[in-house]
Amino acid sequence: MKTSSPELAIGRLSGGNQQKAILAKCLLLNPKILILDEPTRGIDVGAKYEIYKLINQLAQQGMTVIVISSELPEVLGISDRVLVMHQAKSKRI
């Protein structure tokens, strides 16, 4: 992540850098499960790729990562398994 200053408030970063900064703060807690709701919404392609890469690295290290996304290509590209929900009921796994 590139910024003009390490003291810059997260709210002043670009959308992609905001997402990465928030994700980094969450990872400081060493969670066993990470739930990401629309992790790449509204960010540029380069930032999306970096977040996808991080998600894959975390999964390879044994972390459980649950991604909630309305973007089907995103879901298919980063998932081992997919659960489709409709009206609060699971439809497929």
PDB file of N, CA and C in Angstrom:
ATOM      1  N   MET A   1       0.850  -1.164   0.000  1.00  0.00           N
ATOM      2  CA  MET A   1       0.000   0.000   0.000  1.00  0.00           C
ATOM      3  C   MET A   1       0.899   1.232   0.000  1.00  0.00           C
ATOM      4  N   LYS A   2       0.580   2.162  -0.863  1.00  0.00           N
ATOM      5  CA  LYS A   2       1.371   3.384  -0.974  1.00  0.00           C
ATOM      6  C   LYS A   2       0.547   4.573  -0.496  1.00  0.00           C
ATOM      7  N   THR A   3       1.157   5.373   0.392  1.00  0.00           N
ATOM      8  CA  THR A   3       0.508   6.592   0.863  1.00  0.00           C
ATOM      9  C   THR A   3       1.549   7.706   0.915  1.00  0.00           C
ATOM     10  N   SER A   4       1.061   8.926   0.998  1.00  0.00           N
ATOM     11  CA  SER A   4       1.985  10.061   1.093  1.00  0.00           C
ATOM     12  C   SER A   4       2.601  10.166   2.484  1.00  0.00           C
ATOM     13  N   SER A   5       1.930   9.565   3.482  1.00  0.00           N
ATOM     14  CA  SER A   5       2.425   9.613   4.856  1.00  0.00           C
ATOM     15  C   SER A   5       1.834   8.453   5.655  1.00  0.00           C
ATOM     16  N   PRO A   6       2.621   7.823   6.524  1.00  0.00           N
ATOM     17  CA  PRO A   6       2.071   6.754   7.364  1.00  0.00           C
ATOM     18  C   PRO A   6       1.072   7.281   8.396  1.00  0.00           C
ATOM     19  N   GLU A   7       1.048   8.581   8.596  1.00  0.00           N
ATOM     20  CA  GLU A   7       0.135   9.203   9.555  1.00  0.00           C
ATOM     21  C   GLU A   7      -1.223   9.544   8.931  1.00  0.00           C
ATOM     22  N   LEU A   8      -1.382   9.330   7.636  1.00  0.00           N
ATOM     23  CA  LEU A   8      -2.608   9.677   6.923  1.00  0.00           C
ATOM     24  C   LEU A   8      -3.784   8.860   7.458  1.00  0.00           C
ATOM     25  N   ALA A   9      -4.902   9.514   7.732  1.00  0.00           N
ATOM     26  CA  ALA A   9      -6.097   8.830   8.226  1.00  0.00           C
ATOM     27  C   ALA A   9      -6.641   7.898   7.150  1.00  0.00           C
ATOM     28  N   ILE A  10      -7.179   6.760   7.565  1.00  0.00           N
ATOM     29  CA  ILE A  10      -7.704   5.776   6.618  1.00  0.00           C
ATOM     30  C   ILE A  10      -8.751   6.401   5.703  1.00  0.00           C
ATOM     31  N   GLY A  11      -9.572   7.294   6.232  1.00  0.00           N
ATOM     32  CA  GLY A  11     -10.617   7.935   5.438  1.00  0.00           C
ATOM     33  C   GLY A  11     -10.096   8.782   4.290  1.00  0.00           C
ATOM     34  N   ARG A  12      -8.828   9.129   4.324  1.00  0.00           N
ATOM     35  CA  ARG A  12      -8.232   9.945   3.265  1.00  0.00           C
ATOM     36  C   ARG A  12      -7.543   9.102   2.192  1.00  0.00           C
ATOM     37  N   LEU A  13      -7.520   7.785   2.376  1.00  0.00           N
ATOM     38  CA  LEU A  13      -6.897   6.892   1.395  1.00  0.00           C
ATOM     39  C   LEU A  13      -7.852   6.605   0.248  1.00  0.00           C
ATOM     40  N   SER A  14      -7.317   6.064  -0.839  1.00  0.00           N
ATOM     41  CA  SER A  14      -8.165   5.625  -1.949  1.00  0.00           C
ATOM     42  C   SER A  14      -9.007   4.441  -1.473  1.00  0.00           C
ATOM     43  N   GLY A  15     -10.057   4.120  -2.210  1.00  0.00           N
ATOM     44  CA  GLY A  15     -10.943   3.020  -1.832  1.00  0.00           C
ATOM     45  C   GLY A  15     -10.204   1.707  -1.639  1.00  0.00           C
ATOM     46  N   GLY A  16      -9.308   1.386  -2.576  1.00  0.00           N
ATOM     47  CA  GLY A  16      -8.548   0.142  -2.478  1.00  0.00           C
ATOM     48  C   GLY A  16      -7.632   0.120  -1.277  1.00  0.00           C
ATOM     49  N   ASN A  17      -6.968   1.234  -1.013  1.00  0.00           N
ATOM     50  CA  ASN A  17      -6.079   1.300   0.150  1.00  0.00           C
ATOM     51  C   ASN A  17      -6.862   1.295   1.461  1.00  0.00           C
ATOM     52  N   GLN A  18      -8.069   1.857   1.453  1.00  0.00           N
ATOM     53  CA  GLN A  18      -8.917   1.783   2.644  1.00  0.00           C
ATOM     54  C   GLN A  18      -9.246   0.330   2.953  1.00  0.00           C
ATOM     55  N   GLN A  19      -9.643  -0.420   1.912  1.00  0.00           N
ATOM     56  CA  GLN A  19      -9.979  -1.833   2.099  1.00  0.00           C
ATOM     57  C   GLN A  19      -8.781  -2.599   2.651  1.00  0.00           C
ATOM     58  N   LYS A  20      -7.612  -2.378   2.064  1.00  0.00           N
ATOM     59  CA  LYS A  20      -6.405  -3.090   2.502  1.00  0.00           C
ATOM     60  C   LYS A  20      -6.029  -2.714   3.933  1.00  0.00           C
ATOM     61  N   ALA A  21      -6.165  -1.447   4.297  1.00  0.00           N
ATOM     62  CA  ALA A  21      -5.831  -1.006   5.655  1.00  0.00           C
ATOM     63  C   ALA A  21      -6.774  -1.630   6.684  1.00  0.00           C
ATOM     64  N   ILE A  22      -8.047  -1.668   6.367  1.00  0.00           N
ATOM     65  CA  ILE A  22      -9.022  -2.261   7.284  1.00  0.00           C
ATOM     66  C   ILE A  22      -8.773  -3.758   7.422  1.00  0.00           C
ATOM     67  N   LEU A  23      -8.479  -4.410   6.321  1.00  0.00           N
ATOM     68  CA  LEU A  23      -8.166  -5.839   6.352  1.00  0.00           C
ATOM     69  C   LEU A  23      -6.923  -6.090   7.208  1.00  0.00           C
ATOM     70  N   ALA A  24      -5.913  -5.259   7.064  1.00  0.00           N
ATOM     71  CA  ALA A  24      -4.682  -5.396   7.857  1.00  0.00           C
ATOM     72  C   ALA A  24      -4.978  -5.239   9.351  1.00  0.00           C
ATOM     73  N   LYS A  25      -5.836  -4.276   9.703  1.00  0.00           N
ATOM     74  CA  LYS A  25      -6.194  -4.084  11.112  1.00  0.00           C
ATOM     75  C   LYS A  25      -6.897  -5.317  11.668  1.00  0.00           C
ATOM     76  N   CYS A  26      -7.774  -5.919  10.875  1.00  0.00           N
ATOM     77  CA  CYS A  26      -8.471  -7.140  11.303  1.00  0.00           C
ATOM     78  C   CYS A  26      -7.482  -8.282  11.514  1.00  0.00           C
ATOM     79  N   LEU A  27      -6.505  -8.390  10.640  1.00  0.00           N
ATOM     80  CA  LEU A  27      -5.537  -9.484  10.719  1.00  0.00           C
ATOM     81  C   LEU A  27      -4.605  -9.351  11.921  1.00  0.00           C
ATOM     82  N   LEU A  28      -4.464  -8.159  12.477  1.00  0.00           N
ATOM     83  CA  LEU A  28      -3.647  -7.977  13.681  1.00  0.00           C
ATOM     84  C   LEU A  28      -4.189  -8.777  14.862  1.00  0.00           C
ATOM     85  N   LEU A  29      -5.472  -9.113  14.817  1.00  0.00           N
ATOM     86  CA  LEU A  29      -6.112  -9.874  15.892  1.00  0.00           C
ATOM     87  C   LEU A  29      -5.876 -11.378  15.764  1.00  0.00           C
ATOM     88  N   ASN A  30      -5.202 -11.810  14.696  1.00  0.00           N
ATOM     89  CA  ASN A  30      -4.945 -13.232  14.426  1.00  0.00           C
ATOM     90  C   ASN A  30      -6.215 -14.082  14.477  1.00  0.00           C
ATOM     91  N   PRO A  31      -7.220 -13.730  13.678  1.00  0.00           N
ATOM     92  CA  PRO A  31      -8.466 -14.496  13.712  1.00  0.00           C
ATOM     93  C   PRO A  31      -8.287 -15.885  13.097  1.00  0.00           C
ATOM     94  N   LYS A  32      -9.124 -16.830  13.531  1.00  0.00           N
ATOM     95  CA  LYS A  32      -9.132 -18.162  12.916  1.00  0.00           C
ATOM     96  C   LYS A  32     -10.074 -18.172  11.716  1.00  0.00           C
ATOM     97  N   ILE A  33     -11.093 -17.320  11.789  1.00  0.00           N
ATOM     98  CA  ILE A  33     -12.077 -17.196  10.710  1.00  0.00           C
ATOM     99  C   ILE A  33     -12.156 -15.723  10.319  1.00  0.00           C
ATOM    100  N   LEU A  34     -12.146 -15.473   9.022  1.00  0.00           N
ATOM    101  CA  LEU A  34     -12.258 -14.111   8.506  1.00  0.00           C
ATOM    102  C   LEU A  34     -13.491 -14.054   7.613  1.00  0.00           C
ATOM    103  N   ILE A  35     -14.434 -13.178   7.933  1.00  0.00           N
ATOM    104  CA  ILE A  35     -15.648 -13.014   7.133  1.00  0.00           C
ATOM    105  C   ILE A  35     -15.546 -11.678   6.411  1.00  0.00           C
ATOM    106  N   LEU A  36     -15.568 -11.739   5.082  1.00  0.00           N
ATOM    107  CA  LEU A  36     -15.427 -10.541   4.252  1.00  0.00           C
ATOM    108  C   LEU A  36     -16.716 -10.324   3.465  1.00  0.00           C
ATOM    109  N   ASP A  37     -17.364  -9.204   3.683  1.00  0.00           N
ATOM    110  CA  ASP A  37     -18.610  -8.863   2.992  1.00  0.00           C
ATOM    111  C   ASP A  37     -18.290  -7.853   1.894  1.00  0.00           C
ATOM    112  N   GLU A  38     -18.419  -8.281   0.648  1.00  0.00           N
ATOM    113  CA  GLU A  38     -18.123  -7.447  -0.523  1.00  0.00           C
ATOM    114  C   GLU A  38     -16.728  -6.814  -0.399  1.00  0.00           C
ATOM    115  N   PRO A  39     -15.689  -7.632  -0.252  1.00  0.00           N
ATOM    116  CA  PRO A  39     -14.351  -7.089   0.016  1.00  0.00           C
ATOM    117  C   PRO A  39     -13.753  -6.241  -1.102  1.00  0.00           C
ATOM    118  N   THR A  40     -14.281  -6.361  -2.321  1.00  0.00           N
ATOM    119  CA  THR A  40     -13.686  -5.598  -3.423  1.00  0.00           C
ATOM    120  C   THR A  40     -14.661  -4.631  -4.082  1.00  0.00           C
ATOM    121  N   ARG A  41     -15.771  -4.367  -3.441  1.00  0.00           N
ATOM    122  CA  ARG A  41     -16.753  -3.445  -4.030  1.00  0.00           C
ATOM    123  C   ARG A  41     -16.171  -2.035  -4.124  1.00  0.00           C
ATOM    124  N   GLY A  42     -16.259  -1.465  -5.311  1.00  0.00           N
ATOM    125  CA  GLY A  42     -15.871  -0.075  -5.510  1.00  0.00           C
ATOM    126  C   GLY A  42     -14.389   0.201  -5.583  1.00  0.00           C
ATOM    127  N   ILE A  43     -13.577  -0.826  -5.794  1.00  0.00           N
ATOM    128  CA  ILE A  43     -12.135  -0.582  -5.883  1.00  0.00           C
ATOM    129  C   ILE A  43     -11.615  -0.973  -7.261  1.00  0.00           C
ATOM    130  N   ASP A  44     -10.437  -0.467  -7.600  1.00  0.00           N
ATOM    131  CA  ASP A  44      -9.887  -0.706  -8.935  1.00  0.00           C
ATOM    132  C   ASP A  44      -9.358  -2.135  -9.084  1.00  0.00           C
ATOM    133  N   VAL A  45      -9.125  -2.528 -10.318  1.00  0.00           N
ATOM    134  CA  VAL A  45      -8.719  -3.894 -10.652  1.00  0.00           C
ATOM    135  C   VAL A  45      -7.419  -4.290  -9.954  1.00  0.00           C
ATOM    136  N   GLY A  46      -6.457  -3.383  -9.882  1.00  0.00           N
ATOM    137  CA  GLY A  46      -5.184  -3.685  -9.232  1.00  0.00           C
ATOM    138  C   GLY A  46      -5.354  -4.000  -7.755  1.00  0.00           C
ATOM    139  N   ALA A  47      -6.169  -3.212  -7.070  1.00  0.00           N
ATOM    140  CA  ALA A  47      -6.426  -3.442  -5.643  1.00  0.00           C
ATOM    141  C   ALA A  47      -7.201  -4.741  -5.446  1.00  0.00           C
ATOM    142  N   LYS A  48      -8.144  -5.030  -6.367  1.00  0.00           N
ATOM    143  CA  LYS A  48      -8.884  -6.292  -6.293  1.00  0.00           C
ATOM    144  C   LYS A  48      -7.929  -7.469  -6.349  1.00  0.00           C
ATOM    145  N   TYR A  49      -6.989  -7.417  -7.291  1.00  0.00           N
ATOM    146  CA  TYR A  49      -6.032  -8.507  -7.449  1.00  0.00           C
ATOM    147  C   TYR A  49      -5.230  -8.701  -6.162  1.00  0.00           C
ATOM    148  N   GLU A  50      -4.797  -7.618  -5.542  1.00  0.00           N
ATOM    149  CA  GLU A  50      -4.016  -7.713  -4.304  1.00  0.00           C
ATOM    150  C   GLU A  50      -4.836  -8.332  -3.177  1.00  0.00           C
ATOM    151  N   ILE A  51      -6.110  -7.976  -3.095  1.00  0.00           N
ATOM    152  CA  ILE A  51      -6.971  -8.549  -2.057  1.00  0.00           C
ATOM    153  C   ILE A  51      -7.224 -10.025  -2.337  1.00  0.00           C
ATOM    154  N   TYR A  52      -7.471 -10.396  -3.604  1.00  0.00           N
ATOM    155  CA  TYR A  52      -7.644 -11.812  -3.957  1.00  0.00           C
ATOM    156  C   TYR A  52      -6.400 -12.607  -3.580  1.00  0.00           C
ATOM    157  N   LYS A  53      -5.238 -12.050  -3.869  1.00  0.00           N
ATOM    158  CA  LYS A  53      -3.966 -12.711  -3.567  1.00  0.00           C
ATOM    159  C   LYS A  53      -3.831 -12.930  -2.055  1.00  0.00           C
ATOM    160  N   LEU A  54      -4.184 -11.921  -1.268  1.00  0.00           N
ATOM    161  CA  LEU A  54      -4.115 -12.041   0.186  1.00  0.00           C
ATOM    162  C   LEU A  54      -5.099 -13.096   0.697  1.00  0.00           C
ATOM    163  N   ILE A  55      -6.318 -13.105   0.158  1.00  0.00           N
ATOM    164  CA  ILE A  55      -7.314 -14.102   0.564  1.00  0.00           C
ATOM    165  C   ILE A  55      -6.778 -15.507   0.305  1.00  0.00           C
ATOM    166  N   ASN A  56      -6.199 -15.721  -0.868  1.00  0.00           N
ATOM    167  CA  ASN A  56      -5.645 -17.038  -1.195  1.00  0.00           C
ATOM    168  C   ASN A  56      -4.498 -17.408  -0.265  1.00  0.00           C
ATOM    169  N   GLN A  57      -3.626 -16.463   0.051  1.00  0.00           N
ATOM    170  CA  GLN A  57      -2.507 -16.735   0.966  1.00  0.00           C
ATOM    171  C   GLN A  57      -3.016 -17.121   2.351  1.00  0.00           C
ATOM    172  N   LEU A  58      -4.012 -16.403   2.837  1.00  0.00           N
ATOM    173  CA  LEU A  58      -4.569 -16.704   4.154  1.00  0.00           C
ATOM    174  C   LEU A  58      -5.188 -18.098   4.174  1.00  0.00           C
ATOM    175  N   ALA A  59      -5.922 -18.447   3.118  1.00  0.00           N
ATOM    176  CA  ALA A  59      -6.536 -19.772   3.033  1.00  0.00           C
ATOM    177  C   ALA A  59      -5.468 -20.864   2.974  1.00  0.00           C
ATOM    178  N   GLN A  60      -4.399 -20.633   2.225  1.00  0.00           N
ATOM    179  CA  GLN A  60      -3.313 -21.610   2.137  1.00  0.00           C
ATOM    180  C   GLN A  60      -2.613 -21.795   3.481  1.00  0.00           C
ATOM    181  N   GLN A  61      -2.633 -20.772   4.321  1.00  0.00           N
ATOM    182  CA  GLN A  61      -2.026 -20.853   5.651  1.00  0.00           C
ATOM    183  C   GLN A  61      -2.961 -21.508   6.665  1.00  0.00           C
ATOM    184  N   GLY A  62      -4.158 -21.898   6.217  1.00  0.00           N
ATOM    185  CA  GLY A  62      -5.088 -22.608   7.084  1.00  0.00           C
ATOM    186  C   GLY A  62      -6.207 -21.775   7.675  1.00  0.00           C
ATOM    187  N   MET A  63      -6.263 -20.497   7.355  1.00  0.00           N
ATOM    188  CA  MET A  63      -7.340 -19.660   7.874  1.00  0.00           C
ATOM    189  C   MET A  63      -8.622 -19.942   7.095  1.00  0.00           C
ATOM    190  N   THR A  64      -9.731 -19.984   7.809  1.00  0.00           N
ATOM    191  CA  THR A  64     -11.028 -20.095   7.156  1.00  0.00           C
ATOM    192  C   THR A  64     -11.444 -18.697   6.723  1.00  0.00           C
ATOM    193  N   VAL A  65     -11.751 -18.542   5.437  1.00  0.00           N
ATOM    194  CA  VAL A  65     -12.157 -17.246   4.902  1.00  0.00           C
ATOM    195  C   VAL A  65     -13.533 -17.409   4.270  1.00  0.00           C
ATOM    196  N   ILE A  66     -14.491 -16.658   4.764  1.00  0.00           N
ATOM    197  CA  ILE A  66     -15.843 -16.658   4.211  1.00  0.00           C
ATOM    198  C   ILE A  66     -16.014 -15.339   3.472  1.00  0.00           C
ATOM    199  N   VAL A  67     -16.325 -15.437   2.177  1.00  0.00           N
ATOM    200  CA  VAL A  67     -16.488 -14.243   1.346  1.00  0.00           C
ATOM    201  C   VAL A  67     -17.947 -14.136   0.923  1.00  0.00           C
ATOM    202  N   ILE A  68     -18.535 -12.998   1.187  1.00  0.00           N
ATOM    203  CA  ILE A  68     -19.898 -12.700   0.753  1.00  0.00           C
ATOM    204  C   ILE A  68     -19.764 -11.709  -0.386  1.00  0.00           C
ATOM    205  N   SER A  69     -20.298 -12.080  -1.559  1.00  0.00           N
ATOM    206  CA  SER A  69     -20.145 -11.205  -2.720  1.00  0.00           C
ATOM    207  C   SER A  69     -21.320 -11.361  -3.667  1.00  0.00           C
ATOM    208  N   SER A  70     -21.684 -10.261  -4.300  1.00  0.00           N
ATOM    209  CA  SER A  70     -22.730 -10.290  -5.323  1.00  0.00           C
ATOM    210  C   SER A  70     -22.126 -10.442  -6.715  1.00  0.00           C
ATOM    211  N   GLU A  71     -20.785 -10.483  -6.790  1.00  0.00           N
ATOM    212  CA  GLU A  71     -20.102 -10.624  -8.076  1.00  0.00           C
ATOM    213  C   GLU A  71     -19.772 -12.095  -8.321  1.00  0.00           C
ATOM    214  N   LEU A  72     -20.538 -12.751  -9.199  1.00  0.00           N
ATOM    215  CA  LEU A  72     -20.353 -14.175  -9.459  1.00  0.00           C
ATOM    216  C   LEU A  72     -18.941 -14.521  -9.917  1.00  0.00           C
ATOM    217  N   PRO A  73     -18.327 -13.772 -10.842  1.00  0.00           N
ATOM    218  CA  PRO A  73     -16.951 -14.111 -11.235  1.00  0.00           C
ATOM    219  C   PRO A  73     -15.981 -14.071 -10.048  1.00  0.00           C
ATOM    220  N   GLU A  74     -16.191 -13.142  -9.144  1.00  0.00           N
ATOM    221  CA  GLU A  74     -15.355 -13.055  -7.952  1.00  0.00           C
ATOM    222  C   GLU A  74     -15.527 -14.313  -7.101  1.00  0.00           C
ATOM    223  N   VAL A  75     -16.758 -14.689  -6.859  1.00  0.00           N
ATOM    224  CA  VAL A  75     -17.048 -15.870  -6.044  1.00  0.00           C
ATOM    225  C   VAL A  75     -16.417 -17.113  -6.661  1.00  0.00           C
ATOM    226  N   LEU A  76     -16.618 -17.306  -7.945  1.00  0.00           N
ATOM    227  CA  LEU A  76     -16.090 -18.493  -8.614  1.00  0.00           C
ATOM    228  C   LEU A  76     -14.567 -18.490  -8.668  1.00  0.00           C
ATOM    229  N   GLY A  77     -13.968 -17.315  -8.755  1.00  0.00           N
ATOM    230  CA  GLY A  77     -12.518 -17.217  -8.871  1.00  0.00           C
ATOM    231  C   GLY A  77     -11.753 -17.454  -7.586  1.00  0.00           C
ATOM    232  N   ILE A  78     -12.362 -17.197  -6.437  1.00  0.00           N
ATOM    233  CA  ILE A  78     -11.605 -17.301  -5.185  1.00  0.00           C
ATOM    234  C   ILE A  78     -12.139 -18.359  -4.222  1.00  0.00           C
ATOM    235  N   SER A  79     -13.153 -19.100  -4.623  1.00  0.00           N
ATOM    236  CA  SER A  79     -13.789 -20.023  -3.682  1.00  0.00           C
ATOM    237  C   SER A  79     -13.440 -21.481  -3.931  1.00  0.00           C
ATOM    238  N   ASP A  80     -13.357 -22.234  -2.827  1.00  0.00           N
ATOM    239  CA  ASP A  80     -13.262 -23.688  -2.907  1.00  0.00           C
ATOM    240  C   ASP A  80     -14.662 -24.284  -2.946  1.00  0.00           C
ATOM    241  N   ARG A  81     -15.559 -23.675  -2.169  1.00  0.00           N
ATOM    242  CA  ARG A  81     -16.952 -24.108  -2.111  1.00  0.00           C
ATOM    243  C   ARG A  81     -17.847 -22.880  -2.134  1.00  0.00           C
ATOM    244  N   VAL A  82     -19.046 -23.044  -2.695  1.00  0.00           N
ATOM    245  CA  VAL A  82     -19.981 -21.926  -2.804  1.00  0.00           C
ATOM    246  C   VAL A  82     -21.319 -22.352  -2.219  1.00  0.00           C
ATOM    247  N   LEU A  83     -21.874 -21.512  -1.360  1.00  0.00           N
ATOM    248  CA  LEU A  83     -23.200 -21.728  -0.810  1.00  0.00           C
ATOM    249  C   LEU A  83     -24.079 -20.599  -1.336  1.00  0.00           C
ATOM    250  N   VAL A  84     -25.158 -20.955  -2.006  1.00  0.00           N
ATOM    251  CA  VAL A  84     -26.089 -19.960  -2.540  1.00  0.00           C
ATOM    252  C   VAL A  84     -27.263 -19.849  -1.573  1.00  0.00           C
ATOM    253  N   MET A  85     -27.550 -18.620  -1.150  1.00  0.00           N
ATOM    254  CA  MET A  85     -28.662 -18.374  -0.233  1.00  0.00           C
ATOM    255  C   MET A  85     -29.742 -17.572  -0.963  1.00  0.00           C
ATOM    256  N   HIS A  86     -30.995 -17.908  -0.659  1.00  0.00           N
ATOM    257  CA  HIS A  86     -32.125 -17.155  -1.203  1.00  0.00           C
ATOM    258  C   HIS A  86     -33.215 -17.147  -0.148  1.00  0.00           C
ATOM    259  N   GLN A  87     -33.685 -15.975   0.212  1.00  0.00           N
ATOM    260  CA  GLN A  87     -34.718 -15.791   1.227  1.00  0.00           C
ATOM    261  C   GLN A  87     -34.379 -16.553   2.507  1.00  0.00           C
ATOM    262  N   ALA A  88     -33.148 -16.356   2.971  1.00  0.00           N
ATOM    263  CA  ALA A  88     -32.633 -16.909   4.228  1.00  0.00           C
ATOM    264  C   ALA A  88     -32.518 -18.435   4.247  1.00  0.00           C
ATOM    265  N   LYS A  89     -32.536 -19.062   3.079  1.00  0.00           N
ATOM    266  CA  LYS A  89     -32.378 -20.518   3.007  1.00  0.00           C
ATOM    267  C   LYS A  89     -31.267 -20.862   2.031  1.00  0.00           C
ATOM    268  N   SER A  90     -30.492 -21.883   2.397  1.00  0.00           N
ATOM    269  CA  SER A  90     -29.435 -22.316   1.481  1.00  0.00           C
ATOM    270  C   SER A  90     -30.062 -23.107   0.341  1.00  0.00           C
ATOM    271  N   LYS A  91     -29.595 -22.818  -0.864  1.00  0.00           N
ATOM    272  CA  LYS A  91     -30.134 -23.481  -2.048  1.00  0.00           C
ATOM    273  C   LYS A  91     -29.169 -24.513  -2.617  1.00  0.00           C
ATOM    274  N   ARG A  92     -27.868 -24.216  -2.576  1.00  0.00           N
ATOM    275  CA  ARG A  92     -26.874 -25.130  -3.140  1.00  0.00           C
ATOM    276  C   ARG A  92     -25.548 -24.975  -2.416  1.00  0.00           C
ATOM    277  N   ILE A  93     -24.797 -26.083  -2.457  1.00  0.00           N
ATOM    278  CA  ILE A  93     -23.420 -26.040  -1.956  1.00  0.00           C
ATOM    279  C   ILE A  93     -22.531 -26.583  -3.055  1.00  0.00           C
TER     280      ILE A  93
END
